Amino acid sequence: MQIPRYWAQARLRHETSARHGATVQRWGWSDQSPDAAQAHAQQRAQAALDQVLSAPQARNLDARFQRMERLGEYGLNDQTPIREEILGQRGRAVMTRNSYGAHCLNTPDVAIADMDFPPQPKPPSAAPLLIAAFFALAACFVIFAQGGALPAMVVLAGTVVVMALWLRRLLNARQKQAGSADPRQLALERVTAFSQQHPDWGLRVYSTPKGLRIIVTHEAMAPSDSAVQDLFSALQVDPIYQRLCLQQQCFRARVTGKPWRMGMSGPSPQVRRWPVAANQLAARADWTHVYDKQAAQYSACRFVAQLGQARIAMDIQALVDWHDEACRAEESQLPLA
């Protein structure tokens, strides 16, 4: 797992003529100092510029090469680590703030799996049918007024048939929705089935606003372990989250609420990206202060049960305690966000 403390940017340009040249920009990072991050950025920029300048002769410029490096905060571009403000560290676990302000717990060796419920199907809207029926009835009135009684009756009959078919479809959709199993219960059943198949595992289960969170508590695991991949597959974990875990060798858990679930808007584009420009630091501090104060009134998840092995490994207990404290997982009176 790599979540650097310091970031810097370097931009290099090579002039080939008065109007032409090659420009590249790269980010650098370090845990030691801003100067070390700047040196790393300069090194990466120089390597990129050398690659550009050699391309016309060697024809070896990769098709995915970017002159201006797009920097994804989660490092899913295969080039950079997770780019977030570090709020705290305990052992190997690191607490960061993501782009919309939430605190995220990152750990290289305590397996965490978030399960999102599938979206519920919505019944068809009545608006298009009502509009069509209005125009059909209006057409019937006009045709009848002009002496075309038979054509008017045909249009009216057709309208009635279409409305009846639509109403039947609406009733079927609502009956199907009412009779469908509770997605939370289905998710719990998947977790319980996995626990029964692996009785030596410890699984700590939490309820989130739109799913479940599972923390493996019986032993430390790395994202690349086959056992973790089996867990992700059995629980149907989001593929993007699986990719992030493998690429960054890191498990993540959001431990404070999403702003829009707490009646807040997200931060402005000027302060949401890290590192933030020096002239925006005060604005970022103001927004995060308001966010943290609001987040204290919500839980990010709620503890449900400990399945399988009840004993939590000593080195995992500290992370579970930090997670539960940050999430307010035991405070059942707080709303989930």
Protein backbone atom coordinates (compact mmCIF):
# COMPACT_ATOMS: atom_id res chain seq x y z
CA MET A 1 0.00 0.00 0.00
CA GLN A 2 1.30 3.43 -0.92
CA ILE A 3 -0.42 6.68 0.08
CA PRO A 4 2.22 9.42 -0.13
CA ARG A 5 2.23 12.42 2.19
CA TYR A 6 3.75 14.88 -0.31
CA TRP A 7 2.92 15.61 -3.95
CA ALA A 8 4.50 17.89 -6.55
CA GLN A 9 4.19 18.60 -10.26
CA ALA A 10 6.82 19.18 -12.93
CA ARG A 11 6.34 20.43 -16.49
CA LEU A 12 9.11 20.27 -19.10
CA ARG A 13 9.19 21.60 -22.65
CA HIS A 14 11.65 20.99 -25.46
CA GLU A 15 11.57 23.59 -28.27
CA THR A 16 12.12 22.12 -31.73
CA SER A 17 11.40 25.38 -33.57
CA ALA A 18 9.88 28.80 -33.01
CA ARG A 19 6.38 27.35 -33.26
CA HIS A 20 6.82 23.72 -32.37
CA GLY A 21 7.97 21.77 -29.37
CA ALA A 22 7.20 18.95 -26.98
CA THR A 23 5.67 19.52 -23.54
CA VAL A 24 5.13 16.93 -20.84
CA GLN A 25 3.78 17.15 -17.29
CA ARG A 26 4.12 14.60 -14.52
CA TRP A 27 3.30 14.27 -10.83
CA GLY A 28 5.77 13.10 -8.23
CA TRP A 29 5.29 11.91 -4.67
CA SER A 30 7.22 11.11 -1.52
CA ASP A 31 6.81 10.30 2.16
CA GLN A 32 9.97 12.20 3.10
CA SER A 33 9.53 15.85 2.06
CA PRO A 34 8.07 18.24 -0.55
CA ASP A 35 11.54 18.56 -2.08
CA ALA A 36 11.74 14.79 -2.55
CA ALA A 37 8.32 14.82 -4.21
CA GLN A 38 9.46 17.61 -6.55
CA ALA A 39 12.60 15.67 -7.44
CA HIS A 40 10.48 12.61 -8.21
CA ALA A 41 8.16 14.70 -10.40
CA GLN A 42 11.15 16.12 -12.25
CA GLN A 43 12.54 12.61 -12.78
CA ARG A 44 9.23 11.30 -14.14
CA ALA A 45 8.79 14.34 -16.38
CA GLN A 46 12.29 13.97 -17.79
CA ALA A 47 11.70 10.28 -18.52
CA ALA A 48 8.43 11.16 -20.30
CA LEU A 49 10.11 13.90 -22.34
CA ASP A 50 12.92 11.54 -23.34
CA GLN A 51 10.28 9.07 -24.49
CA VAL A 52 8.59 11.73 -26.63
CA LEU A 53 11.83 12.90 -28.21
CA SER A 54 12.93 9.38 -29.07
CA ALA A 55 9.60 8.43 -30.65
CA PRO A 56 10.15 9.97 -34.11
CA GLN A 57 13.25 7.81 -34.61
CA ALA A 58 12.34 4.66 -32.73
CA ARG A 59 8.58 4.79 -33.41
CA ASN A 60 8.10 3.36 -29.95
CA LEU A 61 5.80 5.90 -28.26
CA ASP A 62 3.13 3.89 -26.47
CA ALA A 63 -0.41 4.59 -27.70
CA ARG A 64 -1.49 5.13 -24.08
CA PHE A 65 1.19 7.74 -23.49
CA GLN A 66 -0.15 11.01 -22.06
CA ARG A 67 1.79 14.25 -22.40
CA MET A 68 -0.37 15.89 -19.72
CA GLU A 69 -0.81 13.28 -17.02
CA ARG A 70 -4.38 12.81 -15.85
CA LEU A 71 -4.17 12.10 -12.16
CA GLY A 72 -6.92 9.89 -10.77
CA GLU A 73 -7.27 10.17 -7.01
CA TYR A 74 -7.48 6.39 -6.53
CA GLY A 75 -4.53 5.63 -8.79
CA LEU A 76 -6.53 3.53 -11.25
CA ASN A 77 -4.46 4.89 -14.14
CA ASP A 78 -1.72 2.29 -13.46
CA GLN A 79 0.80 5.09 -12.89
CA THR A 80 0.22 6.78 -9.56
CA PRO A 81 -0.62 5.78 -5.98
CA ILE A 82 -3.71 6.91 -4.06
CA ARG A 83 -3.74 10.72 -3.99
CA GLU A 84 -5.57 11.84 -0.87
CA GLU A 85 -4.88 13.99 2.16
CA ILE A 86 -3.57 11.91 5.06
CA LEU A 87 -5.48 12.58 8.29
CA GLY A 88 -3.85 10.02 10.58
CA GLN A 89 -1.98 6.73 10.82
CA ARG A 90 -2.04 3.82 13.26
CA GLY A 91 0.43 1.08 12.54
CA ARG A 92 0.13 0.24 8.84
CA ALA A 93 -3.41 1.64 8.53
CA VAL A 94 -3.87 5.16 7.15
CA MET A 95 -6.89 7.47 7.37
CA THR A 96 -7.35 9.77 4.35
CA ARG A 97 -9.91 12.28 3.10
CA ASN A 98 -11.38 11.54 -0.33
CA SER A 99 -12.44 14.04 -2.98
CA TYR A 100 -15.90 14.71 -1.53
CA GLY A 101 -14.63 15.09 2.04
CA ALA A 102 -15.30 11.67 3.55
CA HIS A 103 -12.73 9.94 5.75
CA CYS A 104 -11.48 6.62 4.35
CA LEU A 105 -9.62 3.92 6.26
CA ASN A 106 -6.90 2.20 4.21
CA THR A 107 -5.16 -1.01 5.24
CA PRO A 108 -2.83 -3.38 3.38
CA ASP A 109 -3.64 -6.54 5.33
CA VAL A 110 -7.15 -6.50 6.85
CA ALA A 111 -9.61 -7.71 4.22
CA ILE A 112 -12.67 -5.46 3.78
CA ALA A 113 -15.49 -6.17 1.34
CA ASP A 114 -18.37 -3.79 0.60
CA MET A 115 -21.53 -5.25 -0.95
CA ASP A 116 -23.90 -2.90 -2.75
CA PHE A 117 -27.54 -3.85 -3.23
CA PRO A 118 -28.72 -3.98 -6.86
CA PRO A 119 -31.01 -1.08 -7.83
CA GLN A 120 -34.70 -1.85 -7.48
CA PRO A 121 -36.70 -1.82 -10.75
CA LYS A 122 -39.15 1.06 -11.06
CA PRO A 123 -42.70 0.58 -12.36
CA PRO A 124 -43.43 2.20 -15.72
CA SER A 125 -44.39 5.87 -15.62
CA ALA A 126 -48.00 6.85 -16.25
CA ALA A 127 -47.16 10.21 -17.82
CA PRO A 128 -46.57 9.06 -21.44
CA LEU A 129 -49.79 7.03 -21.45
CA LEU A 130 -51.88 9.86 -20.05
CA ILE A 131 -50.52 12.26 -22.66
CA ALA A 132 -51.22 9.77 -25.46
CA ALA A 133 -54.73 9.14 -24.12
CA PHE A 134 -55.44 12.88 -24.01
CA PHE A 135 -54.47 13.36 -27.64
CA ALA A 136 -56.35 10.22 -28.69
CA LEU A 137 -59.55 11.41 -27.01
CA ALA A 138 -59.09 14.86 -28.52
CA ALA A 139 -58.75 13.24 -31.94
CA CYS A 140 -61.92 11.22 -31.31
CA PHE A 141 -63.83 14.40 -30.48
CA VAL A 142 -62.62 16.17 -33.64
CA ILE A 143 -63.39 13.17 -35.87
CA PHE A 144 -66.85 12.73 -34.31
CA ALA A 145 -67.61 16.46 -34.68
CA GLN A 146 -66.85 16.20 -38.40
CA GLY A 147 -69.36 13.40 -38.82
CA GLY A 148 -66.96 10.48 -38.67
CA ALA A 149 -68.64 8.45 -35.96
CA LEU A 150 -67.19 5.10 -37.02
CA PRO A 151 -63.56 6.28 -37.24
CA ALA A 152 -63.97 7.99 -33.88
CA MET A 153 -65.22 4.76 -32.33
CA VAL A 154 -62.25 2.85 -33.80
CA VAL A 155 -59.75 5.36 -32.33
CA LEU A 156 -61.54 5.27 -28.98
CA ALA A 157 -61.53 1.47 -28.88
CA GLY A 158 -57.83 1.39 -29.72
CA THR A 159 -57.11 3.88 -26.93
CA VAL A 160 -59.03 1.75 -24.42
CA VAL A 161 -57.11 -1.37 -25.46
CA VAL A 162 -53.74 0.36 -25.15
CA MET A 163 -54.65 1.75 -21.71
CA ALA A 164 -55.81 -1.67 -20.53
CA LEU A 165 -52.57 -3.30 -21.66
CA TRP A 166 -50.50 -0.62 -19.95
CA LEU A 167 -52.47 -0.93 -16.71
CA ARG A 168 -51.92 -4.68 -16.78
CA ARG A 169 -48.20 -4.15 -17.22
CA LEU A 170 -48.16 -1.64 -14.35
CA LEU A 171 -49.99 -4.02 -11.99
CA ASN A 172 -47.66 -6.91 -12.91
CA ALA A 173 -44.59 -4.74 -12.27
CA ARG A 174 -45.87 -3.63 -8.87
CA GLN A 175 -46.82 -7.17 -7.86
CA LYS A 176 -43.38 -8.40 -8.90
CA GLN A 177 -41.71 -5.62 -6.93
CA ALA A 178 -43.85 -6.30 -3.86
CA GLY A 179 -43.15 -10.02 -4.02
CA SER A 180 -39.42 -9.75 -4.59
CA ALA A 181 -37.10 -10.70 -1.75
CA ASP A 182 -35.55 -8.01 0.44
CA PRO A 183 -32.11 -7.26 -1.08
CA ARG A 184 -30.60 -6.82 2.40
CA GLN A 185 -31.82 -10.27 3.39
CA LEU A 186 -30.42 -11.79 0.18
CA ALA A 187 -27.05 -10.16 0.85
CA LEU A 188 -27.03 -11.46 4.44
CA GLU A 189 -27.83 -14.93 3.15
CA ARG A 190 -24.80 -14.80 0.83
CA VAL A 191 -22.57 -13.79 3.74
CA THR A 192 -24.07 -16.48 6.00
CA ALA A 193 -23.60 -19.13 3.30
CA PHE A 194 -19.94 -18.16 2.91
CA SER A 195 -19.47 -18.27 6.68
CA GLN A 196 -20.99 -21.74 6.88
CA GLN A 197 -18.65 -22.94 4.13
CA HIS A 198 -15.66 -21.41 5.96
CA PRO A 199 -16.37 -21.97 9.68
CA ASP A 200 -12.78 -21.13 10.63
CA TRP A 201 -13.17 -17.60 9.26
CA GLY A 202 -14.25 -14.60 11.33
CA LEU A 203 -16.57 -12.20 9.51
CA ARG A 204 -17.66 -8.95 11.10
CA VAL A 205 -20.83 -7.71 9.36
CA TYR A 206 -22.06 -4.12 9.16
CA SER A 207 -25.07 -2.49 7.54
CA THR A 208 -24.38 0.48 5.24
CA PRO A 209 -26.92 2.88 3.69
CA LYS A 210 -27.18 0.77 0.54
CA GLY A 211 -25.48 -2.52 1.33
CA LEU A 212 -23.30 -4.50 3.72
CA ARG A 213 -19.67 -4.28 4.80
CA ILE A 214 -17.64 -7.32 5.79
CA ILE A 215 -14.33 -7.23 7.70
CA VAL A 216 -12.35 -10.47 7.89
CA THR A 217 -11.13 -10.76 11.48
CA HIS A 218 -9.51 -14.18 11.99
CA GLU A 219 -6.22 -13.46 10.21
CA ALA A 220 -4.43 -10.88 8.10
CA MET A 221 -4.77 -11.19 4.31
CA ALA A 222 -3.39 -9.37 1.28
CA PRO A 223 -5.60 -8.25 -1.65
CA SER A 224 -3.80 -10.62 -4.00
CA ASP A 225 -4.46 -13.70 -1.82
CA SER A 226 -6.65 -16.27 -3.56
CA ALA A 227 -8.81 -16.52 -0.43
CA VAL A 228 -9.65 -12.82 -0.73
CA GLN A 229 -10.56 -13.21 -4.39
CA ASP A 230 -12.81 -16.14 -3.48
CA LEU A 231 -14.49 -13.97 -0.84
CA PHE A 232 -15.02 -11.12 -3.31
CA SER A 233 -16.47 -13.51 -5.88
CA ALA A 234 -18.83 -15.21 -3.42
CA LEU A 235 -20.11 -11.88 -2.07
CA GLN A 236 -20.31 -10.26 -5.54
CA VAL A 237 -18.13 -7.31 -4.57
CA ASP A 238 -17.98 -4.36 -6.97
CA PRO A 239 -15.40 -5.11 -9.75
CA ILE A 240 -13.95 -1.58 -9.58
CA TYR A 241 -13.29 -2.00 -5.86
CA GLN A 242 -11.63 -5.36 -6.56
CA ARG A 243 -9.41 -3.71 -9.17
CA LEU A 244 -8.46 -0.93 -6.76
CA CYS A 245 -7.53 -3.42 -4.05
CA LEU A 246 -5.30 -5.41 -6.40
CA GLN A 247 -3.67 -2.41 -8.05
CA GLN A 248 -2.92 -0.52 -4.84
CA GLN A 249 -2.51 -3.61 -2.62
CA CYS A 250 -4.90 -1.93 -0.22
CA PHE A 251 -8.39 -2.38 1.24
CA ARG A 252 -10.54 0.72 1.79
CA ALA A 253 -13.58 1.60 3.87
CA ARG A 254 -15.41 4.93 3.95
CA VAL A 255 -15.96 5.74 7.62
CA THR A 256 -17.88 9.05 7.48
CA GLY A 257 -21.01 10.00 5.56
CA LYS A 258 -21.43 11.18 2.00
CA PRO A 259 -22.25 14.91 1.96
CA TRP A 260 -25.42 14.58 -0.13
CA ARG A 261 -26.81 12.07 2.37
CA MET A 262 -26.33 14.62 5.15
CA GLY A 263 -28.04 17.57 3.48
CA MET A 264 -24.80 19.08 2.16
CA SER A 265 -23.43 19.81 -1.27
CA GLY A 266 -19.99 18.54 -2.18
CA PRO A 267 -16.86 20.71 -2.08
CA SER A 268 -16.09 23.04 -4.97
CA PRO A 269 -13.76 21.79 -7.73
CA GLN A 270 -11.09 24.21 -6.50
CA VAL A 271 -10.75 22.49 -3.11
CA ARG A 272 -11.78 18.87 -3.74
CA ARG A 273 -8.58 17.74 -5.45
CA TRP A 274 -5.46 16.97 -3.45
CA PRO A 275 -2.96 18.56 -3.25
CA VAL A 276 -4.92 21.80 -3.23
CA ALA A 277 -3.42 25.08 -4.45
CA ALA A 278 -1.93 27.27 -1.72
CA ASN A 279 -4.49 30.02 -2.32
CA GLN A 280 -7.32 27.53 -1.73
CA LEU A 281 -6.07 26.03 1.54
CA ALA A 282 -8.21 28.33 3.70
CA ALA A 283 -11.33 27.58 1.67
CA ARG A 284 -10.65 23.86 1.94
CA ALA A 285 -10.15 24.11 5.70
CA ASP A 286 -13.46 25.98 6.05
CA TRP A 287 -15.37 23.38 4.03
CA THR A 288 -13.85 20.37 5.78
CA HIS A 289 -14.61 21.92 9.17
CA VAL A 290 -18.29 22.21 8.25
CA TYR A 291 -18.27 18.70 6.79
CA ASP A 292 -16.65 17.10 9.87
CA LYS A 293 -19.09 18.84 12.19
CA GLN A 294 -22.05 17.56 10.16
CA ALA A 295 -20.59 14.06 9.79
CA ALA A 296 -20.40 13.71 13.59
CA GLN A 297 -24.21 13.45 13.59
CA TYR A 298 -24.28 10.38 11.33
CA SER A 299 -22.98 6.81 11.17
CA ALA A 300 -21.27 5.46 8.06
CA CYS A 301 -22.27 1.89 8.95
CA ARG A 302 -23.88 -0.05 11.80
CA PHE A 303 -22.58 -3.24 13.39
CA VAL A 304 -24.85 -6.26 12.73
CA ALA A 305 -23.11 -9.47 13.80
CA GLN A 306 -19.86 -11.40 14.19
CA LEU A 307 -20.08 -14.63 12.19
CA GLY A 308 -17.88 -17.71 12.47
CA GLN A 309 -14.70 -17.38 14.49
CA ALA A 310 -15.49 -15.07 17.42
CA ARG A 311 -11.90 -14.36 18.37
CA ILE A 312 -10.44 -11.38 16.54
CA ALA A 313 -6.72 -11.51 15.81
CA MET A 314 -4.79 -9.11 18.00
CA ASP A 315 -3.27 -7.13 15.13
CA ILE A 316 -6.71 -6.80 13.51
CA GLN A 317 -8.52 -5.73 16.67
CA ALA A 318 -6.82 -2.32 16.63
CA LEU A 319 -8.05 -1.62 13.11
CA VAL A 320 -11.58 -2.84 13.94
CA ASP A 321 -11.62 -0.50 16.95
CA TRP A 322 -10.48 2.44 14.82
CA HIS A 323 -13.03 1.57 12.13
CA ASP A 324 -15.93 1.26 14.57
CA GLU A 325 -14.97 4.46 16.36
CA ALA A 326 -14.71 6.46 13.12
CA CYS A 327 -17.92 4.98 11.69
CA ARG A 328 -19.85 5.31 14.97
CA ALA A 329 -20.87 1.75 14.22
CA GLU A 330 -22.27 1.08 17.71
CA GLU A 331 -24.42 4.23 17.89
CA SER A 332 -27.69 2.84 16.62
CA GLN A 333 -29.61 6.07 17.23
CA LEU A 334 -27.70 7.92 14.51
CA PRO A 335 -28.95 7.88 10.90
CA LEU A 336 -26.81 6.16 8.28
CA ALA A 337 -25.06 8.24 5.67
